[in-house]
């Protein structure tokens, strides 16, 4: 029986045991973990680094890495308990001055928070990309199964981090997709080959082998046979809706002319050029790739801008 929580725990255990002596790779892993489950702040002449994990082993590991990489001591690992939730494990380290904050790469020379991951980490190539994803999997990585397919999921604090993870996965030969949902941003790896390549590159070969075995096991419940008539009706409705959207977008671009914001114009042109594609597929054609929710939002804003300019003609479009 497939147990996603057990496999996720095994993933964290296997990656937590990886020892990589290359400072750049270790730094990439630490910076990614801090960005995903922690924070680095400077105030009153002191730097405070904190991160929170579900596992005590991961908390101790991060504290050790902070000490060895940046030469700081005095870090603490505490258990945080709250009613109705399992215990969490907090890593906290303080240091005089801002040297530690800048060393993590998450704060620039002026003390401002860096958006996403540190530029030097993002530009580190395939070798450093393995460290980025090792840190991401340790911090927020989960193995999930949906519709009979095993996937890797990482929840991100914002779009810049998600974009950095997508790029790092590409450097490792894996295809990852950034998504914007009602609950926030996340990165998903659906393709079995991409998941296998990424897990082996980060040092989780055991979990990769385990997932390969599960991929060969069919679902316990057979899928319902498709209804050809229903599929035809749905396809026709989707095509009609896409045509209506493309017509509205074309009208909006004509109304706004050169005043249309570039991001909205690009989304509109994609919709017109590929009027039959789904929003998800349309998002993959964008540069950089976008989630279907982002594409839909930009198309709505484009049409709304045109309606505000010409309200009397909005219903005719």
Protein backbone atom coordinates (compact mmCIF):
# COMPACT_ATOMS: atom_id res chain seq x y z
CA UNK A 1 0.00 0.00 0.00
CA UNK A 2 1.29 3.45 -0.94
CA UNK A 3 1.98 5.54 2.17
CA UNK A 4 2.89 9.10 1.15
CA UNK A 5 3.79 10.21 4.68
CA UNK A 6 6.11 7.26 5.24
CA UNK A 7 7.88 7.81 1.91
CA UNK A 8 8.21 11.54 2.63
CA UNK A 9 9.77 10.73 6.01
CA UNK A 10 12.18 8.34 4.28
CA UNK A 11 13.04 11.08 1.77
CA UNK A 12 13.93 13.48 4.59
CA UNK A 13 15.94 10.78 6.38
CA UNK A 14 17.92 9.87 3.26
CA UNK A 15 18.65 13.46 2.27
CA UNK A 16 19.50 14.37 5.86
CA UNK A 17 22.25 11.75 5.79
CA UNK A 18 23.88 13.16 2.64
CA UNK A 19 27.32 14.66 3.28
CA UNK A 20 28.62 17.03 0.62
CA UNK A 21 31.90 18.79 1.40
CA UNK A 22 31.58 21.44 -1.31
CA UNK A 23 30.86 24.78 0.42
CA UNK A 24 28.85 26.21 -2.49
CA UNK A 25 26.50 23.22 -2.51
CA UNK A 26 26.06 23.26 1.26
CA UNK A 27 25.44 27.01 1.21
CA UNK A 28 22.78 26.59 -1.49
CA UNK A 29 21.00 23.98 0.62
CA UNK A 30 21.10 26.12 3.78
CA UNK A 31 19.93 29.29 2.00
CA UNK A 32 17.03 27.41 0.41
CA UNK A 33 15.94 25.90 3.72
CA UNK A 34 16.05 29.29 5.43
CA UNK A 35 14.00 30.86 2.65
CA UNK A 36 11.36 28.11 2.74
CA UNK A 37 10.92 27.48 6.48
CA UNK A 38 12.79 30.29 8.18
CA UNK A 39 13.87 33.89 8.11
CA UNK A 40 16.96 36.04 8.46
CA UNK A 41 16.54 39.49 10.00
CA UNK A 42 18.73 42.29 11.30
CA UNK A 43 17.72 44.65 14.09
CA UNK A 44 19.47 46.65 16.80
CA UNK A 45 22.89 45.66 15.53
CA UNK A 46 22.18 41.94 15.66
CA UNK A 47 21.31 39.21 13.19
CA UNK A 48 18.67 36.62 14.02
CA UNK A 49 18.38 33.41 12.01
CA UNK A 50 15.45 31.10 12.72
CA UNK A 51 13.86 28.11 11.04
CA UNK A 52 11.15 25.65 12.01
CA UNK A 53 11.00 21.95 11.07
CA UNK A 54 8.72 18.99 11.66
CA UNK A 55 11.72 16.76 12.45
CA UNK A 56 14.28 17.23 15.24
CA UNK A 57 16.96 15.62 13.06
CA UNK A 58 16.51 18.27 10.35
CA UNK A 59 16.65 21.06 12.93
CA UNK A 60 19.90 19.72 14.40
CA UNK A 61 21.33 19.29 10.90
CA UNK A 62 20.64 22.91 9.96
CA UNK A 63 22.13 24.19 13.21
CA UNK A 64 25.29 22.19 12.53
CA UNK A 65 25.51 23.52 8.97
CA UNK A 66 25.15 27.12 10.15
CA UNK A 67 27.96 26.58 12.63
CA UNK A 68 30.33 24.86 10.22
CA UNK A 69 29.67 27.02 7.17
CA UNK A 70 29.57 30.46 8.74
CA UNK A 71 31.68 29.91 11.86
CA UNK A 72 28.93 30.90 14.27
CA UNK A 73 28.20 29.16 17.56
CA UNK A 74 25.46 29.51 20.14
CA UNK A 75 22.62 28.16 18.04
CA UNK A 76 19.68 26.55 19.84
CA UNK A 77 17.16 23.87 18.91
CA UNK A 78 13.90 24.11 20.83
CA UNK A 79 10.65 22.16 20.73
CA UNK A 80 7.59 24.30 19.95
CA UNK A 81 4.24 22.87 21.00
CA UNK A 82 0.73 24.14 20.39
CA UNK A 83 -2.71 22.72 21.05
CA UNK A 84 -4.08 20.78 18.12
CA UNK A 85 -0.84 20.44 16.17
CA UNK A 86 2.21 18.15 16.36
CA UNK A 87 5.41 19.52 17.91
CA UNK A 88 7.73 21.59 15.75
CA UNK A 89 11.45 22.08 16.19
CA UNK A 90 12.85 25.59 16.12
CA UNK A 91 16.43 26.49 15.21
CA UNK A 92 17.51 29.93 16.40
CA UNK A 93 20.91 31.59 16.10
CA UNK A 94 21.88 35.17 16.94
CA UNK A 95 25.05 37.07 16.07
CA UNK A 96 26.40 40.57 16.55
CA UNK A 97 26.44 42.76 13.46
CA UNK A 98 25.10 41.84 10.03
CA UNK A 99 27.90 39.59 8.78
CA UNK A 100 25.89 36.42 9.34
CA UNK A 101 22.87 37.85 7.52
CA UNK A 102 24.98 38.72 4.47
CA UNK A 103 26.76 35.36 4.63
CA UNK A 104 23.47 33.52 4.12
CA UNK A 105 22.89 35.57 0.96
CA UNK A 106 19.31 36.34 1.96
CA UNK A 107 20.10 39.93 2.99
CA UNK A 108 22.03 42.35 0.76
CA UNK A 109 24.74 44.83 1.77
CA UNK A 110 22.14 47.43 2.68
CA UNK A 111 20.28 45.05 4.98
CA UNK A 112 17.37 44.52 2.58
CA UNK A 113 15.74 41.12 2.13
CA UNK A 114 16.71 39.39 -1.11
CA UNK A 115 13.74 38.43 -3.26
CA UNK A 116 13.71 34.68 -3.88
CA UNK A 117 17.01 32.83 -3.56
CA UNK A 118 20.44 34.53 -3.52
CA UNK A 119 21.59 35.45 -7.07
CA UNK A 120 24.92 33.65 -6.62
CA UNK A 121 23.06 30.46 -5.68
CA UNK A 122 20.63 30.68 -8.60
CA UNK A 123 23.52 31.16 -11.05
CA UNK A 124 25.55 28.25 -9.67
CA UNK A 125 24.77 25.70 -12.39
CA UNK A 126 23.84 22.03 -12.13
CA UNK A 127 26.17 21.26 -9.22
CA UNK A 128 24.69 23.96 -7.01
CA UNK A 129 21.18 23.18 -8.31
CA UNK A 130 21.42 19.82 -6.55
CA UNK A 131 22.05 21.68 -3.29
CA UNK A 132 19.08 23.96 -3.93
CA UNK A 133 16.72 21.05 -4.41
CA UNK A 134 18.19 19.09 -1.52
CA UNK A 135 17.39 22.05 0.72
CA UNK A 136 13.92 22.45 -0.79
CA UNK A 137 13.06 18.79 -0.27
CA UNK A 138 14.37 18.81 3.29
CA UNK A 139 12.40 21.95 4.14
CA UNK A 140 9.09 21.58 2.31
CA UNK A 141 9.34 18.55 0.04
CA UNK A 142 6.53 16.01 0.04
CA UNK A 143 5.72 12.90 -1.94
CA UNK A 144 2.07 12.88 -2.96
CA UNK A 145 -0.12 10.66 -5.11
CA UNK A 146 -2.96 12.00 -7.20
CA UNK A 147 -5.00 10.17 -9.83
CA UNK A 148 -2.72 7.18 -9.46
CA UNK A 149 0.45 9.15 -10.23
CA UNK A 150 3.26 9.86 -7.81
CA UNK A 151 4.43 13.47 -7.68
CA UNK A 152 6.93 15.65 -5.82
CA UNK A 153 5.48 18.80 -4.24
CA UNK A 154 7.25 21.78 -2.67
CA UNK A 155 5.25 24.65 -1.15
CA UNK A 156 6.95 28.03 -1.66
CA UNK A 157 6.62 31.40 0.12
CA UNK A 158 6.33 33.32 -3.15
CA UNK A 159 6.63 33.24 -6.95
CA UNK A 160 10.32 34.22 -7.01
CA UNK A 161 11.29 31.13 -5.00
CA UNK A 162 9.07 28.91 -7.15
CA UNK A 163 10.68 30.28 -10.30
CA UNK A 164 14.16 29.64 -8.88
CA UNK A 165 13.23 26.02 -8.10
CA UNK A 166 11.84 25.50 -11.61
CA UNK A 167 15.13 26.78 -13.07
CA UNK A 168 17.22 24.63 -10.74
CA UNK A 169 15.19 21.55 -11.70
CA UNK A 170 15.81 22.34 -15.37
CA UNK A 171 19.55 22.44 -14.68
CA UNK A 172 19.24 18.90 -13.29
CA UNK A 173 17.36 17.65 -16.35
CA UNK A 174 13.98 17.63 -14.60
CA UNK A 175 10.75 19.33 -15.65
CA UNK A 176 9.07 21.22 -12.81
CA UNK A 177 5.98 23.43 -12.93
CA UNK A 178 5.30 26.46 -10.79
CA UNK A 179 1.68 26.92 -9.73
CA UNK A 180 -0.23 29.72 -8.05
CA UNK A 181 -3.16 28.45 -5.99
CA UNK A 182 -5.58 29.99 -3.52
CA UNK A 183 -3.28 28.82 -0.73
CA UNK A 184 -0.09 30.26 -2.22
CA UNK A 185 2.66 29.13 -4.55
CA UNK A 186 4.09 25.68 -5.12
CA UNK A 187 6.31 23.68 -7.45
CA UNK A 188 5.17 20.32 -8.76
CA UNK A 189 7.08 17.57 -10.55
CA UNK A 190 4.64 15.25 -12.30
CA UNK A 191 6.80 13.42 -14.83
CA UNK A 192 8.17 10.13 -13.41
CA UNK A 193 11.43 10.50 -15.32
CA UNK A 194 11.95 14.03 -13.99
CA UNK A 195 11.17 12.94 -10.44
CA UNK A 196 13.65 10.07 -10.74
CA UNK A 197 16.40 12.32 -12.15
CA UNK A 198 15.93 14.95 -9.45
CA UNK A 199 15.84 12.49 -6.56
CA UNK A 200 19.03 10.78 -7.70
CA UNK A 201 20.79 14.12 -8.29
CA UNK A 202 20.03 15.22 -4.73
CA UNK A 203 21.11 11.94 -3.15
CA UNK A 204 17.77 10.19 -2.60
CA UNK A 205 18.42 7.14 -4.78
CA UNK A 206 16.66 4.85 -2.32
CA UNK A 207 13.41 6.80 -2.55
CA UNK A 208 13.80 6.97 -6.34
CA UNK A 209 14.01 3.16 -6.49
CA UNK A 210 10.99 2.89 -4.20
CA UNK A 211 8.90 5.17 -6.40
CA UNK A 212 9.86 3.16 -9.48
CA UNK A 213 8.44 0.05 -7.84
CA UNK A 214 5.20 1.83 -7.00
CA UNK A 215 4.94 3.13 -10.55
CA UNK A 216 4.65 -0.48 -11.74
CA UNK A 217 1.78 -1.27 -9.36
CA UNK A 218 -1.63 -0.53 -10.90
CA UNK A 219 -4.26 1.32 -8.91
CA UNK A 220 -6.48 -0.90 -6.76
CA UNK A 221 -9.66 0.54 -8.23
CA UNK A 222 -9.94 0.46 -12.04
CA UNK A 223 -10.69 3.77 -13.67
CA UNK A 224 -14.20 4.29 -14.91
CA UNK A 225 -14.66 3.85 -18.64
CA UNK A 226 -14.86 7.19 -20.45
CA UNK A 227 -18.20 8.33 -21.81
CA UNK A 228 -17.63 9.31 -25.47
CA UNK A 229 -20.81 11.40 -25.66
CA UNK A 230 -19.94 13.32 -22.49
CA UNK A 231 -16.39 13.90 -23.71
CA UNK A 232 -17.72 15.28 -27.02
CA UNK A 233 -20.09 17.68 -25.26
CA UNK A 234 -17.36 18.87 -22.89
CA UNK A 235 -14.91 19.37 -25.73
CA UNK A 236 -17.47 21.43 -27.67
CA UNK A 237 -18.24 23.58 -24.63
CA UNK A 238 -14.54 24.15 -23.97
CA UNK A 239 -13.95 25.17 -27.58
CA UNK A 240 -16.90 27.59 -27.53
CA UNK A 241 -15.70 29.14 -24.27
CA UNK A 242 -12.18 29.52 -25.66
CA UNK A 243 -13.53 31.22 -28.80
CA UNK A 244 -15.56 33.66 -26.71
CA UNK A 245 -12.54 34.46 -24.55
CA UNK A 246 -10.33 35.00 -27.59
CA UNK A 247 -12.91 37.37 -29.09
CA UNK A 248 -13.12 39.38 -25.86
CA UNK A 249 -9.34 39.55 -25.63
CA UNK A 250 -9.03 40.69 -29.26
CA UNK A 251 -11.59 43.44 -28.59
CA UNK A 252 -9.75 44.52 -25.43
CA UNK A 253 -6.43 44.79 -27.26
CA UNK A 254 -8.07 46.90 -29.98
CA UNK A 255 -9.62 49.22 -27.39
CA UNK A 256 -6.48 49.72 -25.32
CA UNK A 257 -4.06 49.91 -28.23
CA UNK A 258 -0.55 50.95 -27.19
CA UNK A 259 -1.69 51.63 -23.61
CA UNK A 260 -2.10 47.97 -22.70
CA UNK A 261 0.39 46.83 -20.00
CA UNK A 262 3.05 44.47 -21.47
CA UNK A 263 2.20 41.53 -19.18
CA UNK A 264 -1.48 41.73 -20.09
CA UNK A 265 -0.69 42.17 -23.79
CA UNK A 266 1.53 39.07 -23.83
CA UNK A 267 -1.17 36.97 -22.14
CA UNK A 268 -3.77 38.27 -24.58
CA UNK A 269 -1.67 37.52 -27.64
CA UNK A 270 -1.04 33.99 -26.39
CA UNK A 271 -4.80 33.47 -26.00
CA UNK A 272 -5.49 34.74 -29.53
CA UNK A 273 -2.67 32.75 -31.15
CA UNK A 274 -3.63 29.53 -29.36
CA UNK A 275 -7.37 29.88 -28.86
CA UNK A 276 -8.00 26.14 -28.48
CA UNK A 277 -5.40 25.42 -25.80
CA UNK A 278 -6.24 25.06 -22.11
CA UNK A 279 -5.04 27.70 -19.66
CA UNK A 280 -2.55 25.23 -18.21
CA UNK A 281 -1.03 24.54 -21.62
CA UNK A 282 -1.10 28.24 -22.44
CA UNK A 283 0.89 28.97 -19.29
CA UNK A 284 3.67 26.61 -20.38
CA UNK A 285 4.13 28.63 -23.58
CA UNK A 286 4.73 31.87 -21.67
CA UNK A 287 8.25 33.09 -20.94
CA UNK A 288 8.74 32.58 -18.05
CA UNK A 289 6.11 29.82 -17.65
CA UNK A 290 2.95 30.83 -15.77
CA UNK A 291 0.32 28.96 -13.79
CA UNK A 292 -3.16 28.67 -15.28
CA UNK A 293 -4.51 30.92 -12.50
CA UNK A 294 -2.01 33.64 -13.40
CA UNK A 295 -2.94 33.45 -17.10
CA UNK A 296 -6.65 33.60 -16.29
CA UNK A 297 -6.12 36.55 -13.95
CA UNK A 298 -4.20 38.54 -16.56
CA UNK A 299 -6.84 37.90 -19.21
CA UNK A 300 -9.58 39.08 -16.83
CA UNK A 301 -7.60 42.24 -16.00
CA UNK A 302 -7.04 42.93 -19.69
CA UNK A 303 -10.75 42.75 -20.48
CA UNK A 304 -11.65 44.74 -17.36
CA UNK A 305 -9.28 47.56 -18.36
CA UNK A 306 -10.97 47.77 -21.76
CA UNK A 307 -14.45 47.72 -20.20
CA UNK A 308 -13.52 50.58 -17.88
CA UNK A 309 -12.36 52.62 -20.85
CA UNK A 310 -15.42 51.85 -23.03
CA UNK A 311 -18.24 50.73 -20.70
CA UNK A 312 -20.95 51.38 -23.30
CA UNK A 313 -19.39 48.89 -25.72
CA UNK A 314 -18.45 46.19 -23.22
CA UNK A 315 -21.68 44.24 -23.71
CA UNK A 316 -21.36 44.31 -27.51
CA UNK A 317 -17.87 42.76 -27.49
